[in-house]
Amino acid sequence: MSNIMIINIISVTAFILIFIYAFYISCIEGFNTNKTNIEVIYFYSDTCPLCKIFVNEKWNKFKEEYSSVYEIKEYEENEIEIEDIEKYSIDGFPTVIIKKGDTFKEYRTNLPISIDKFIEKKYKD
């Protein structure tokens, strides 16, 4: 066998292995994205003192720990659509909505229970 043939075989084999690895990684990443199909939506106002307390005491920690588990969204007061205000009955800030499919529940930000424990309790499979 000539050196050129050996190089060609090695090149094709390397290409196939890289392709298989890339396919494997894309499949794994697809499975890890929002495993629970739960959205956590935070509505807030920059001028709201309770929002600032909630962000510091609960929200930032929750986002950091669970952003790979849940789809997390945030909307500042002037970004909120009227349809969302009506749909989720938003009547003040901060408001956190936990949504799975067509159902949703409001997490009361003054609850002593953490957001993740609330979700586990309300959305047991």
PDB file of N, CA and C in Angstrom:
ATOM      1  N   MET A   1       0.832  -1.180   0.000  1.00  0.00           N
ATOM      2  CA  MET A   1       0.000   0.000   0.000  1.00  0.00           C
ATOM      3  C   MET A   1       0.880   1.247   0.000  1.00  0.00           C
ATOM      4  N   SER A   2       0.506   2.189  -0.802  1.00  0.00           N
ATOM      5  CA  SER A   2       1.310   3.403  -0.897  1.00  0.00           C
ATOM      6  C   SER A   2       0.965   4.366   0.240  1.00  0.00           C
ATOM      7  N   ASN A   3       1.856   5.286   0.469  1.00  0.00           N
ATOM      8  CA  ASN A   3       1.658   6.288   1.526  1.00  0.00           C
ATOM      9  C   ASN A   3       0.430   7.149   1.253  1.00  0.00           C
ATOM     10  N   ILE A   4       0.149   7.448   0.023  1.00  0.00           N
ATOM     11  CA  ILE A   4      -1.012   8.280  -0.337  1.00  0.00           C
ATOM     12  C   ILE A   4      -2.308   7.554   0.022  1.00  0.00           C
ATOM     13  N   MET A   5      -2.354   6.256  -0.242  1.00  0.00           N
ATOM     14  CA  MET A   5      -3.554   5.474   0.112  1.00  0.00           C
ATOM     15  C   MET A   5      -3.771   5.452   1.624  1.00  0.00           C
ATOM     16  N   ILE A   6      -2.697   5.281   2.355  1.00  0.00           N
ATOM     17  CA  ILE A   6      -2.798   5.246   3.820  1.00  0.00           C
ATOM     18  C   ILE A   6      -3.279   6.601   4.339  1.00  0.00           C
ATOM     19  N   ILE A   7      -2.743   7.669   3.812  1.00  0.00           N
ATOM     20  CA  ILE A   7      -3.164   9.018   4.225  1.00  0.00           C
ATOM     21  C   ILE A   7      -4.640   9.226   3.895  1.00  0.00           C
ATOM     22  N   ASN A   8      -5.076   8.787   2.720  1.00  0.00           N
ATOM     23  CA  ASN A   8      -6.489   8.913   2.342  1.00  0.00           C
ATOM     24  C   ASN A   8      -7.384   8.122   3.289  1.00  0.00           C
ATOM     25  N   ILE A   9      -7.002   6.921   3.650  1.00  0.00           N
ATOM     26  CA  ILE A   9      -7.805   6.091   4.568  1.00  0.00           C
ATOM     27  C   ILE A   9      -7.889   6.756   5.938  1.00  0.00           C
ATOM     28  N   ILE A  10      -6.752   7.268   6.419  1.00  0.00           N
ATOM     29  CA  ILE A  10      -6.740   7.955   7.710  1.00  0.00           C
ATOM     30  C   ILE A  10      -7.615   9.207   7.659  1.00  0.00           C
ATOM     31  N   SER A  11      -7.543   9.957   6.586  1.00  0.00           N
ATOM     32  CA  SER A  11      -8.345  11.182   6.439  1.00  0.00           C
ATOM     33  C   SER A  11      -9.834  10.871   6.439  1.00  0.00           C
ATOM     34  N   VAL A  12     -10.247   9.880   5.697  1.00  0.00           N
ATOM     35  CA  VAL A  12     -11.664   9.494   5.633  1.00  0.00           C
ATOM     36  C   VAL A  12     -12.130   8.994   6.998  1.00  0.00           C
ATOM     37  N   THR A  13     -11.308   8.185   7.643  1.00  0.00           N
ATOM     38  CA  THR A  13     -11.666   7.678   8.971  1.00  0.00           C
ATOM     39  C   THR A  13     -11.807   8.818   9.969  1.00  0.00           C
ATOM     40  N   ALA A  14     -10.882   9.766   9.949  1.00  0.00           N
ATOM     41  CA  ALA A  14     -10.953  10.926  10.845  1.00  0.00           C
ATOM     42  C   ALA A  14     -12.214  11.741  10.568  1.00  0.00           C
ATOM     43  N   PHE A  15     -12.532  11.952   9.305  1.00  0.00           N
ATOM     44  CA  PHE A  15     -13.740  12.699   8.943  1.00  0.00           C
ATOM     45  C   PHE A  15     -14.986  12.003   9.478  1.00  0.00           C
ATOM     46  N   ILE A  16     -15.060  10.699   9.316  1.00  0.00           N
ATOM     47  CA  ILE A  16     -16.222   9.934   9.794  1.00  0.00           C
ATOM     48  C   ILE A  16     -16.334  10.036  11.314  1.00  0.00           C
ATOM     49  N   LEU A  17     -15.217   9.912  12.022  1.00  0.00           N
ATOM     50  CA  LEU A  17     -15.240  10.005  13.486  1.00  0.00           C
ATOM     51  C   LEU A  17     -15.662  11.395  13.951  1.00  0.00           C
ATOM     52  N   ILE A  18     -15.174  12.433  13.294  1.00  0.00           N
ATOM     53  CA  ILE A  18     -15.566  13.802  13.648  1.00  0.00           C
ATOM     54  C   ILE A  18     -17.060  13.995  13.394  1.00  0.00           C
ATOM     55  N   PHE A  19     -17.559  13.485  12.295  1.00  0.00           N
ATOM     56  CA  PHE A  19     -18.980  13.594  11.975  1.00  0.00           C
ATOM     57  C   PHE A  19     -19.821  12.879  13.032  1.00  0.00           C
ATOM     58  N   ILE A  20     -19.433  11.678  13.400  1.00  0.00           N
ATOM     59  CA  ILE A  20     -20.174  10.919  14.425  1.00  0.00           C
ATOM     60  C   ILE A  20     -20.143  11.666  15.751  1.00  0.00           C
ATOM     61  N   TYR A  21     -18.993  12.191  16.138  1.00  0.00           N
ATOM     62  CA  TYR A  21     -18.880  12.936  17.390  1.00  0.00           C
ATOM     63  C   TYR A  21     -19.763  14.185  17.374  1.00  0.00           C
ATOM     64  N   ALA A  22     -19.755  14.936  16.287  1.00  0.00           N
ATOM     65  CA  ALA A  22     -20.580  16.141  16.173  1.00  0.00           C
ATOM     66  C   ALA A  22     -22.065  15.791  16.259  1.00  0.00           C
ATOM     67  N   PHE A  23     -22.467  14.716  15.613  1.00  0.00           N
ATOM     68  CA  PHE A  23     -23.863  14.269  15.667  1.00  0.00           C
ATOM     69  C   PHE A  23     -24.239  13.883  17.095  1.00  0.00           C
ATOM     70  N   TYR A  24     -23.360  13.166  17.777  1.00  0.00           N
ATOM     71  CA  TYR A  24     -23.593  12.751  19.157  1.00  0.00           C
ATOM     72  C   TYR A  24     -23.769  13.969  20.065  1.00  0.00           C
ATOM     73  N   ILE A  25     -22.878  14.951  19.951  1.00  0.00           N
ATOM     74  CA  ILE A  25     -22.949  16.161  20.781  1.00  0.00           C
ATOM     75  C   ILE A  25     -24.242  16.917  20.511  1.00  0.00           C
ATOM     76  N   SER A  26     -24.647  17.056  19.259  1.00  0.00           N
ATOM     77  CA  SER A  26     -25.883  17.788  18.952  1.00  0.00           C
ATOM     78  C   SER A  26     -27.091  17.069  19.525  1.00  0.00           C
ATOM     79  N   CYS A  27     -27.083  15.755  19.529  1.00  0.00           N
ATOM     80  CA  CYS A  27     -28.190  14.993  20.118  1.00  0.00           C
ATOM     81  C   CYS A  27     -28.240  15.192  21.622  1.00  0.00           C
ATOM     82  N   ILE A  28     -27.102  15.128  22.275  1.00  0.00           N
ATOM     83  CA  ILE A  28     -27.040  15.305  23.728  1.00  0.00           C
ATOM     84  C   ILE A  28     -27.519  16.699  24.102  1.00  0.00           C
ATOM     85  N   GLU A  29     -27.066  17.722  23.413  1.00  0.00           N
ATOM     86  CA  GLU A  29     -27.480  19.084  23.720  1.00  0.00           C
ATOM     87  C   GLU A  29     -28.969  19.262  23.500  1.00  0.00           C
ATOM     88  N   GLY A  30     -29.520  18.618  22.494  1.00  0.00           N
ATOM     89  CA  GLY A  30     -30.950  18.700  22.244  1.00  0.00           C
ATOM     90  C   GLY A  30     -31.763  18.113  23.376  1.00  0.00           C
ATOM     91  N   PHE A  31     -31.277  17.056  23.977  1.00  0.00           N
ATOM     92  CA  PHE A  31     -31.994  16.427  25.081  1.00  0.00           C
ATOM     93  C   PHE A  31     -31.887  17.227  26.369  1.00  0.00           C
ATOM     94  N   ASN A  32     -30.821  17.979  26.543  1.00  0.00           N
ATOM     95  CA  ASN A  32     -30.612  18.707  27.785  1.00  0.00           C
ATOM     96  C   ASN A  32     -31.344  20.044  27.835  1.00  0.00           C
ATOM     97  N   THR A  33     -31.863  20.533  26.757  1.00  0.00           N
ATOM     98  CA  THR A  33     -32.489  21.847  26.736  1.00  0.00           C
ATOM     99  C   THR A  33     -33.890  21.784  27.328  1.00  0.00           C
ATOM    100  N   ASN A  34     -34.094  22.521  28.383  1.00  0.00           N
ATOM    101  CA  ASN A  34     -35.398  22.614  29.038  1.00  0.00           C
ATOM    102  C   ASN A  34     -36.068  21.241  29.146  1.00  0.00           C
ATOM    103  N   LYS A  35     -35.450  20.354  29.874  1.00  0.00           N
ATOM    104  CA  LYS A  35     -35.929  18.981  30.030  1.00  0.00           C
ATOM    105  C   LYS A  35     -37.366  18.918  30.531  1.00  0.00           C
ATOM    106  N   THR A  36     -37.763  19.900  31.286  1.00  0.00           N
ATOM    107  CA  THR A  36     -39.058  19.839  31.960  1.00  0.00           C
ATOM    108  C   THR A  36     -40.200  20.453  31.167  1.00  0.00           C
ATOM    109  N   ASN A  37     -39.897  21.176  30.100  1.00  0.00           N
ATOM    110  CA  ASN A  37     -40.909  21.931  29.344  1.00  0.00           C
ATOM    111  C   ASN A  37     -41.632  22.944  30.221  1.00  0.00           C
ATOM    112  N   ILE A  38     -40.935  23.450  31.204  1.00  0.00           N
ATOM    113  CA  ILE A  38     -41.494  24.454  32.106  1.00  0.00           C
ATOM    114  C   ILE A  38     -40.808  25.789  31.843  1.00  0.00           C
ATOM    115  N   GLU A  39     -41.626  26.830  31.720  1.00  0.00           N
ATOM    116  CA  GLU A  39     -41.117  28.194  31.583  1.00  0.00           C
ATOM    117  C   GLU A  39     -41.313  28.911  32.911  1.00  0.00           C
ATOM    118  N   VAL A  40     -40.324  29.664  33.311  1.00  0.00           N
ATOM    119  CA  VAL A  40     -40.430  30.503  34.500  1.00  0.00           C
ATOM    120  C   VAL A  40     -40.281  31.936  34.003  1.00  0.00           C
ATOM    121  N   ILE A  41     -41.353  32.706  34.168  1.00  0.00           N
ATOM    122  CA  ILE A  41     -41.403  34.059  33.601  1.00  0.00           C
ATOM    123  C   ILE A  41     -41.462  35.073  34.752  1.00  0.00           C
ATOM    124  N   TYR A  42     -40.518  35.986  34.745  1.00  0.00           N
ATOM    125  CA  TYR A  42     -40.414  37.001  35.797  1.00  0.00           C
ATOM    126  C   TYR A  42     -40.774  38.363  35.219  1.00  0.00           C
ATOM    127  N   PHE A  43     -41.807  38.979  35.791  1.00  0.00           N
ATOM    128  CA  PHE A  43     -42.236  40.320  35.404  1.00  0.00           C
ATOM    129  C   PHE A  43     -41.846  41.271  36.534  1.00  0.00           C
ATOM    130  N   TYR A  44     -41.197  42.381  36.173  1.00  0.00           N
ATOM    131  CA  TYR A  44     -40.693  43.275  37.215  1.00  0.00           C
ATOM    132  C   TYR A  44     -40.672  44.723  36.743  1.00  0.00           C
ATOM    133  N   SER A  45     -40.390  45.597  37.684  1.00  0.00           N
ATOM    134  CA  SER A  45     -40.196  47.016  37.390  1.00  0.00           C
ATOM    135  C   SER A  45     -38.862  47.440  37.993  1.00  0.00           C
ATOM    136  N   ASP A  46     -38.096  48.227  37.262  1.00  0.00           N
ATOM    137  CA  ASP A  46     -36.806  48.711  37.766  1.00  0.00           C
ATOM    138  C   ASP A  46     -36.960  49.621  38.982  1.00  0.00           C
ATOM    139  N   THR A  47     -38.119  50.237  39.119  1.00  0.00           N
ATOM    140  CA  THR A  47     -38.326  51.178  40.220  1.00  0.00           C
ATOM    141  C   THR A  47     -38.985  50.527  41.433  1.00  0.00           C
ATOM    142  N   CYS A  48     -39.232  49.241  41.360  1.00  0.00           N
ATOM    143  CA  CYS A  48     -39.942  48.527  42.423  1.00  0.00           C
ATOM    144  C   CYS A  48     -38.975  48.056  43.519  1.00  0.00           C
ATOM    145  N   PRO A  49     -39.127  48.539  44.753  1.00  0.00           N
ATOM    146  CA  PRO A  49     -38.233  48.101  45.833  1.00  0.00           C
ATOM    147  C   PRO A  49     -38.378  46.605  46.145  1.00  0.00           C
ATOM    148  N   LEU A  50     -39.583  46.072  46.060  1.00  0.00           N
ATOM    149  CA  LEU A  50     -39.782  44.644  46.318  1.00  0.00           C
ATOM    150  C   LEU A  50     -39.098  43.785  45.255  1.00  0.00           C
ATOM    151  N   CYS A  51     -39.082  44.275  44.026  1.00  0.00           N
ATOM    152  CA  CYS A  51     -38.393  43.547  42.951  1.00  0.00           C
ATOM    153  C   CYS A  51     -36.903  43.449  43.242  1.00  0.00           C
ATOM    154  N   LYS A  52     -36.326  44.526  43.719  1.00  0.00           N
ATOM    155  CA  LYS A  52     -34.890  44.524  44.029  1.00  0.00           C
ATOM    156  C   LYS A  52     -34.570  43.543  45.151  1.00  0.00           C
ATOM    157  N   ILE A  53     -35.422  43.493  46.156  1.00  0.00           N
ATOM    158  CA  ILE A  53     -35.228  42.536  47.253  1.00  0.00           C
ATOM    159  C   ILE A  53     -35.370  41.110  46.730  1.00  0.00           C
ATOM    160  N   PHE A  54     -36.416  40.864  45.951  1.00  0.00           N
ATOM    161  CA  PHE A  54     -36.659  39.519  45.410  1.00  0.00           C
ATOM    162  C   PHE A  54     -35.502  39.057  44.525  1.00  0.00           C
ATOM    163  N   VAL A  55     -35.012  39.939  43.665  1.00  0.00           N
ATOM    164  CA  VAL A  55     -33.900  39.597  42.771  1.00  0.00           C
ATOM    165  C   VAL A  55     -32.679  39.195  43.594  1.00  0.00           C
ATOM    166  N   ASN A  56     -32.368  39.958  44.615  1.00  0.00           N
ATOM    167  CA  ASN A  56     -31.182  39.671  45.423  1.00  0.00           C
ATOM    168  C   ASN A  56     -31.341  38.427  46.295  1.00  0.00           C
ATOM    169  N   GLU A  57     -32.538  38.202  46.831  1.00  0.00           N
ATOM    170  CA  GLU A  57     -32.729  37.099  47.770  1.00  0.00           C
ATOM    171  C   GLU A  57     -33.053  35.767  47.096  1.00  0.00           C
ATOM    172  N   LYS A  58     -33.772  35.792  45.962  1.00  0.00           N
ATOM    173  CA  LYS A  58     -34.222  34.528  45.373  1.00  0.00           C
ATOM    174  C   LYS A  58     -33.928  34.380  43.887  1.00  0.00           C
ATOM    175  N   TRP A  59     -34.259  35.387  43.095  1.00  0.00           N
ATOM    176  CA  TRP A  59     -34.258  35.242  41.644  1.00  0.00           C
ATOM    177  C   TRP A  59     -32.869  34.947  41.074  1.00  0.00           C
ATOM    178  N   ASN A  60     -31.857  35.714  41.446  1.00  0.00           N
ATOM    179  CA  ASN A  60     -30.520  35.513  40.887  1.00  0.00           C
ATOM    180  C   ASN A  60     -29.997  34.110  41.179  1.00  0.00           C
ATOM    181  N   LYS A  61     -30.213  33.639  42.390  1.00  0.00           N
ATOM    182  CA  LYS A  61     -29.763  32.288  42.758  1.00  0.00           C
ATOM    183  C   LYS A  61     -30.516  31.237  41.939  1.00  0.00           C
ATOM    184  N   PHE A  62     -31.827  31.422  41.802  1.00  0.00           N
ATOM    185  CA  PHE A  62     -32.638  30.481  41.025  1.00  0.00           C
ATOM    186  C   PHE A  62     -32.150  30.438  39.575  1.00  0.00           C
ATOM    187  N   LYS A  63     -31.966  31.593  38.960  1.00  0.00           N
ATOM    188  CA  LYS A  63     -31.504  31.662  37.563  1.00  0.00           C
ATOM    189  C   LYS A  63     -30.168  30.954  37.384  1.00  0.00           C
ATOM    190  N   GLU A  64     -29.272  31.213  38.290  1.00  0.00           N
ATOM    191  CA  GLU A  64     -27.938  30.625  38.193  1.00  0.00           C
ATOM    192  C   GLU A  64     -27.989  29.092  38.285  1.00  0.00           C
ATOM    193  N   GLU A  65     -28.809  28.583  39.189  1.00  0.00           N
ATOM    194  CA  GLU A  65     -28.855  27.139  39.423  1.00  0.00           C
ATOM    195  C   GLU A  65     -29.738  26.380  38.434  1.00  0.00           C
ATOM    196  N   TYR A  66     -30.773  27.015  37.887  1.00  0.00           N
ATOM    197  CA  TYR A  66     -31.773  26.272  37.117  1.00  0.00           C
ATOM    198  C   TYR A  66     -31.935  26.710  35.665  1.00  0.00           C
ATOM    199  N   SER A  67     -31.055  27.550  35.162  1.00  0.00           N
ATOM    200  CA  SER A  67     -31.213  28.008  33.774  1.00  0.00           C
ATOM    201  C   SER A  67     -31.052  26.878  32.763  1.00  0.00           C
ATOM    202  N   SER A  68     -30.399  25.795  33.142  1.00  0.00           N
ATOM    203  CA  SER A  68     -30.272  24.663  32.218  1.00  0.00           C
ATOM    204  C   SER A  68     -31.436  23.679  32.354  1.00  0.00           C
ATOM    205  N   VAL A  69     -32.267  23.879  33.369  1.00  0.00           N
ATOM    206  CA  VAL A  69     -33.394  22.968  33.609  1.00  0.00           C
ATOM    207  C   VAL A  69     -34.696  23.564  33.094  1.00  0.00           C
ATOM    208  N   TYR A  70     -34.892  24.853  33.337  1.00  0.00           N
ATOM    209  CA  TYR A  70     -36.123  25.532  32.950  1.00  0.00           C
ATOM    210  C   TYR A  70     -35.815  26.619  31.923  1.00  0.00           C
ATOM    211  N   GLU A  71     -36.809  26.948  31.129  1.00  0.00           N
ATOM    212  CA  GLU A  71     -36.681  28.102  30.234  1.00  0.00           C
ATOM    213  C   GLU A  71     -37.039  29.330  31.057  1.00  0.00           C
ATOM    214  N   ILE A  72     -36.088  30.210  31.229  1.00  0.00           N
ATOM    215  CA  ILE A  72     -36.278  31.370  32.101  1.00  0.00           C
ATOM    216  C   ILE A  72     -36.364  32.628  31.245  1.00  0.00           C
ATOM    217  N   LYS A  73     -37.419  33.410  31.515  1.00  0.00           N
ATOM    218  CA  LYS A  73     -37.631  34.661  30.775  1.00  0.00           C
ATOM    219  C   LYS A  73     -37.846  35.785  31.774  1.00  0.00           C
ATOM    220  N   GLU A  74     -37.433  36.979  31.393  1.00  0.00           N
ATOM    221  CA  GLU A  74     -37.618  38.167  32.227  1.00  0.00           C
ATOM    222  C   GLU A  74     -38.182  39.298  31.371  1.00  0.00           C
ATOM    223  N   TYR A  75     -39.151  40.010  31.933  1.00  0.00           N
ATOM    224  CA  TYR A  75     -39.730  41.150  31.221  1.00  0.00           C
ATOM    225  C   TYR A  75     -39.837  42.337  32.170  1.00  0.00           C
ATOM    226  N   GLU A  76     -39.194  43.423  31.768  1.00  0.00           N
ATOM    227  CA  GLU A  76     -39.306  44.666  32.517  1.00  0.00           C
ATOM    228  C   GLU A  76     -40.661  45.295  32.206  1.00  0.00           C
ATOM    229  N   GLU A  77     -41.144  46.074  33.092  1.00  0.00           N
ATOM    230  CA  GLU A  77     -42.484  46.670  33.025  1.00  0.00           C
ATOM    231  C   GLU A  77     -42.862  47.186  31.636  1.00  0.00           C
ATOM    232  N   ASN A  78     -41.988  47.915  30.964  1.00  0.00           N
ATOM    233  CA  ASN A  78     -42.359  48.492  29.661  1.00  0.00           C
ATOM    234  C   ASN A  78     -42.187  47.515  28.500  1.00  0.00           C
ATOM    235  N   GLU A  79     -41.744  46.272  28.764  1.00  0.00           N
ATOM    236  CA  GLU A  79     -41.624  45.253  27.725  1.00  0.00           C
ATOM    237  C   GLU A  79     -42.821  44.290  27.715  1.00  0.00           C
ATOM    238  N   ILE A  80     -43.666  44.405  28.708  1.00  0.00           N
ATOM    239  CA  ILE A  80     -44.760  43.448  28.875  1.00  0.00           C
ATOM    240  C   ILE A  80     -45.901  43.772  27.917  1.00  0.00           C
ATOM    241  N   GLU A  81     -46.365  42.754  27.208  1.00  0.00           N
ATOM    242  CA  GLU A  81     -47.493  42.910  26.286  1.00  0.00           C
ATOM    243  C   GLU A  81     -48.809  42.934  27.075  1.00  0.00           C
ATOM    244  N   ILE A  82     -49.767  43.691  26.590  1.00  0.00           N
ATOM    245  CA  ILE A  82     -51.076  43.784  27.243  1.00  0.00           C
ATOM    246  C   ILE A  82     -51.729  42.411  27.336  1.00  0.00           C
ATOM    247  N   GLU A  83     -51.534  41.595  26.316  1.00  0.00           N
ATOM    248  CA  GLU A  83     -52.110  40.246  26.320  1.00  0.00           C
ATOM    249  C   GLU A  83     -51.580  39.422  27.495  1.00  0.00           C
ATOM    250  N   ASP A  84     -50.299  39.586  27.800  1.00  0.00           N
ATOM    251  CA  ASP A  84     -49.710  38.860  28.927  1.00  0.00           C
ATOM    252  C   ASP A  84     -50.253  39.363  30.256  1.00  0.00           C
ATOM    253  N   ILE A  85     -50.448  40.671  30.361  1.00  0.00           N
ATOM    254  CA  ILE A  85     -51.015  41.241  31.594  1.00  0.00           C
ATOM    255  C   ILE A  85     -52.391  40.639  31.849  1.00  0.00           C
ATOM    256  N   GLU A  86     -53.192  40.556  30.803  1.00  0.00           N
ATOM    257  CA  GLU A  86     -54.534  39.985  30.939  1.00  0.00           C
ATOM    258  C   GLU A  86     -54.481  38.475  31.150  1.00  0.00           C
ATOM    259  N   LYS A  87     -53.679  37.792  30.360  1.00  0.00           N
ATOM    260  CA  LYS A  87     -53.598  36.330  30.429  1.00  0.00           C
ATOM    261  C   LYS A  87     -53.160  35.854  31.811  1.00  0.00           C
ATOM    262  N   TYR A  88     -52.118  36.490  32.373  1.00  0.00           N
ATOM    263  CA  TYR A  88     -51.564  36.053  33.650  1.00  0.00           C
ATOM    264  C   TYR A  88     -52.098  36.851  34.844  1.00  0.00           C
ATOM    265  N   SER A  89     -53.031  37.773  34.589  1.00  0.00           N
ATOM    266  CA  SER A  89     -53.611  38.622  35.640  1.00  0.00           C
ATOM    267  C   SER A  89     -52.539  39.333  36.459  1.00  0.00           C
ATOM    268  N   ILE A  90     -51.607  39.957  35.777  1.00  0.00           N
ATOM    269  CA  ILE A  90     -50.528  40.672  36.461  1.00  0.00           C
ATOM    270  C   ILE A  90     -51.097  41.963  37.030  1.00  0.00           C
ATOM    271  N   ASP A  91     -51.042  42.068  38.354  1.00  0.00           N
ATOM    272  CA  ASP A  91     -51.589  43.263  38.989  1.00  0.00           C
ATOM    273  C   ASP A  91     -50.565  43.980  39.861  1.00  0.00           C
ATOM    274  N   GLY A  92     -49.319  43.565  39.766  1.00  0.00           N
ATOM    275  CA  GLY A  92     -48.259  44.206  40.529  1.00  0.00           C
ATOM    276  C   GLY A  92     -46.932  43.513  40.276  1.00  0.00           C
ATOM    277  N   PHE A  93     -45.903  44.089  40.864  1.00  0.00           N
ATOM    278  CA  PHE A  93     -44.555  43.549  40.688  1.00  0.00           C
ATOM    279  C   PHE A  93     -43.940  43.288  42.052  1.00  0.00           C
ATOM    280  N   PRO A  94     -43.089  42.330  42.168  1.00  0.00           N
ATOM    281  CA  PRO A  94     -42.693  41.355  41.173  1.00  0.00           C
ATOM    282  C   PRO A  94     -43.750  40.263  41.008  1.00  0.00           C
ATOM    283  N   THR A  95     -43.830  39.703  39.805  1.00  0.00           N
ATOM    284  CA  THR A  95     -44.723  38.581  39.521  1.00  0.00           C
ATOM    285  C   THR A  95     -43.917  37.501  38.825  1.00  0.00           C
ATOM    286  N   VAL A  96     -44.062  36.268  39.303  1.00  0.00           N
ATOM    287  CA  VAL A  96     -43.391  35.136  38.679  1.00  0.00           C
ATOM    288  C   VAL A  96     -44.463  34.135  38.273  1.00  0.00           C
ATOM    289  N   ILE A  97     -44.462  33.776  37.001  1.00  0.00           N
ATOM    290  CA  ILE A  97     -45.410  32.807  36.462  1.00  0.00           C
ATOM    291  C   ILE A  97     -44.637  31.536  36.106  1.00  0.00           C
ATOM    292  N   ILE A  98     -45.178  30.415  36.546  1.00  0.00           N
ATOM    293  CA  ILE A  98     -44.618  29.113  36.207  1.00  0.00           C
ATOM    294  C   ILE A  98     -45.573  28.495  35.202  1.00  0.00           C
ATOM    295  N   LYS A  99     -45.081  28.223  34.006  1.00  0.00           N
ATOM    296  CA  LYS A  99     -45.947  27.776  32.912  1.00  0.00           C
ATOM    297  C   LYS A  99     -45.476  26.430  32.373  1.00  0.00           C
ATOM    298  N   LYS A 100     -46.424  25.511  32.253  1.00  0.00           N
ATOM    299  CA  LYS A 100     -46.148  24.216  31.624  1.00  0.00           C
ATOM    300  C   LYS A 100     -47.291  23.942  30.668  1.00  0.00           C
ATOM    301  N   GLY A 101     -46.972  23.930  29.375  1.00  0.00           N
ATOM    302  CA  GLY A 101     -48.018  23.759  28.374  1.00  0.00           C
ATOM    303  C   GLY A 101     -48.966  24.943  28.420  1.00  0.00           C
ATOM    304  N   ASP A 102     -50.255  24.643  28.504  1.00  0.00           N
ATOM    305  CA  ASP A 102     -51.262  25.710  28.550  1.00  0.00           C
ATOM    306  C   ASP A 102     -51.630  26.111  29.969  1.00  0.00           C
ATOM    307  N   THR A 103     -51.082  25.427  30.957  1.00  0.00           N
ATOM    308  CA  THR A 103     -51.420  25.755  32.342  1.00  0.00           C
ATOM    309  C   THR A 103     -50.314  26.608  32.959  1.00  0.00           C
ATOM    310  N   PHE A 104     -50.709  27.441  33.913  1.00  0.00           N
ATOM    311  CA  PHE A 104     -49.723  28.253  34.608  1.00  0.00           C
ATOM    312  C   PHE A 104     -50.188  28.521  36.025  1.00  0.00           C
ATOM    313  N   LYS A 105     -49.213  28.779  36.870  1.00  0.00           N
ATOM    314  CA  LYS A 105     -49.466  29.099  38.268  1.00  0.00           C
ATOM    315  C   LYS A 105     -48.586  30.291  38.634  1.00  0.00           C
ATOM    316  N   GLU A 106     -49.100  31.104  39.525  1.00  0.00           N
ATOM    317  CA  GLU A 106     -48.315  32.247  39.979  1.00  0.00           C
ATOM    318  C   GLU A 106     -47.561  31.868  41.241  1.00  0.00           C
ATOM    319  N   TYR A 107     -46.285  32.160  41.241  1.00  0.00           N
ATOM    320  CA  TYR A 107     -45.464  31.985  42.434  1.00  0.00           C
ATOM    321  C   TYR A 107     -45.499  33.304  43.187  1.00  0.00           C
ATOM    322  N   ARG A 108     -46.005  33.261  44.397  1.00  0.00           N
ATOM    323  CA  ARG A 108     -46.041  34.477  45.219  1.00  0.00           C
ATOM    324  C   ARG A 108     -44.641  34.724  45.760  1.00  0.00           C
ATOM    325  N   THR A 109     -44.083  35.862  45.415  1.00  0.00           N
ATOM    326  CA  THR A 109     -42.679  36.121  45.729  1.00  0.00           C
ATOM    327  C   THR A 109     -42.408  36.263  47.221  1.00  0.00           C
ATOM    328  N   ASN A 110     -43.458  36.420  48.021  1.00  0.00           N
ATOM    329  CA  ASN A 110     -43.252  36.526  49.463  1.00  0.00           C
ATOM    330  C   ASN A 110     -43.353  35.167  50.160  1.00  0.00           C
ATOM    331  N   LEU A 111     -43.511  34.095  49.395  1.00  0.00           N
ATOM    332  CA  LEU A 111     -43.592  32.766  49.987  1.00  0.00           C
ATOM    333  C   LEU A 111     -42.251  32.375  50.608  1.00  0.00           C
ATOM    334  N   PRO A 112     -42.305  31.655  51.717  1.00  0.00           N
ATOM    335  CA  PRO A 112     -41.046  31.203  52.318  1.00  0.00           C
ATOM    336  C   PRO A 112     -40.410  30.038  51.550  1.00  0.00           C
ATOM    337  N   ILE A 113     -41.149  29.427  50.636  1.00  0.00           N
ATOM    338  CA  ILE A 113     -40.650  28.300  49.852  1.00  0.00           C
ATOM    339  C   ILE A 113     -39.879  28.821  48.642  1.00  0.00           C
ATOM    340  N   SER A 114     -38.809  28.130  48.252  1.00  0.00           N
ATOM    341  CA  SER A 114     -38.016  28.550  47.099  1.00  0.00           C
ATOM    342  C   SER A 114     -38.785  28.264  45.812  1.00  0.00           C
ATOM    343  N   ILE A 115     -38.375  28.905  44.733  1.00  0.00           N
ATOM    344  CA  ILE A 115     -39.050  28.748  43.447  1.00  0.00           C
ATOM    345  C   ILE A 115     -38.984  27.301  42.982  1.00  0.00           C
ATOM    346  N   ASP A 116     -37.816  26.677  43.097  1.00  0.00           N
ATOM    347  CA  ASP A 116     -37.672  25.293  42.637  1.00  0.00           C
ATOM    348  C   ASP A 116     -38.554  24.335  43.437  1.00  0.00           C
ATOM    349  N   LYS A 117     -38.684  24.555  44.734  1.00  0.00           N
ATOM    350  CA  LYS A 117     -39.550  23.691  45.558  1.00  0.00           C
ATOM    351  C   LYS A 117     -41.020  23.908  45.196  1.00  0.00           C
ATOM    352  N   PHE A 118     -41.384  25.146  44.887  1.00  0.00           N
ATOM    353  CA  PHE A 118     -42.744  25.457  44.455  1.00  0.00           C
ATOM    354  C   PHE A 118     -43.069  24.706  43.167  1.00  0.00           C
ATOM    355  N   ILE A 119     -42.142  24.742  42.219  1.00  0.00           N
ATOM    356  CA  ILE A 119     -42.348  24.054  40.940  1.00  0.00           C
ATOM    357  C   ILE A 119     -42.493  22.555  41.176  1.00  0.00           C
ATOM    358  N   GLU A 120     -41.617  21.981  41.985  1.00  0.00           N
ATOM    359  CA  GLU A 120     -41.703  20.536  42.279  1.00  0.00           C
ATOM    360  C   GLU A 120     -43.060  20.181  42.875  1.00  0.00           C
ATOM    361  N   LYS A 121     -43.538  21.001  43.784  1.00  0.00           N
ATOM    362  CA  LYS A 121     -44.807  20.741  44.457  1.00  0.00           C
ATOM    363  C   LYS A 121     -45.987  20.866  43.496  1.00  0.00           C
ATOM    364  N   LYS A 122     -45.984  21.880  42.659  1.00  0.00           N
ATOM    365  CA  LYS A 122     -47.127  22.159  41.780  1.00  0.00           C
ATOM    366  C   LYS A 122     -47.132  21.318  40.513  1.00  0.00           C
ATOM    367  N   TYR A 123     -45.952  20.874  40.069  1.00  0.00           N
ATOM    368  CA  TYR A 123     -45.872  20.158  38.805  1.00  0.00           C
ATOM    369  C   TYR A 123     -45.239  18.790  38.960  1.00  0.00           C
ATOM    370  N   LYS A 124     -45.683  18.064  39.947  1.00  0.00           N
ATOM    371  CA  LYS A 124     -45.205  16.684  40.097  1.00  0.00           C
ATOM    372  C   LYS A 124     -45.705  15.881  38.905  1.00  0.00           C
ATOM    373  N   ASP A 125     -44.805  15.119  38.295  1.00  0.00           N
ATOM    374  CA  ASP A 125     -45.188  14.297  37.143  1.00  0.00           C
ATOM    375  C   ASP A 125     -45.751  12.973  37.580  1.00  0.00           C
TER     376      ASP A 125
END
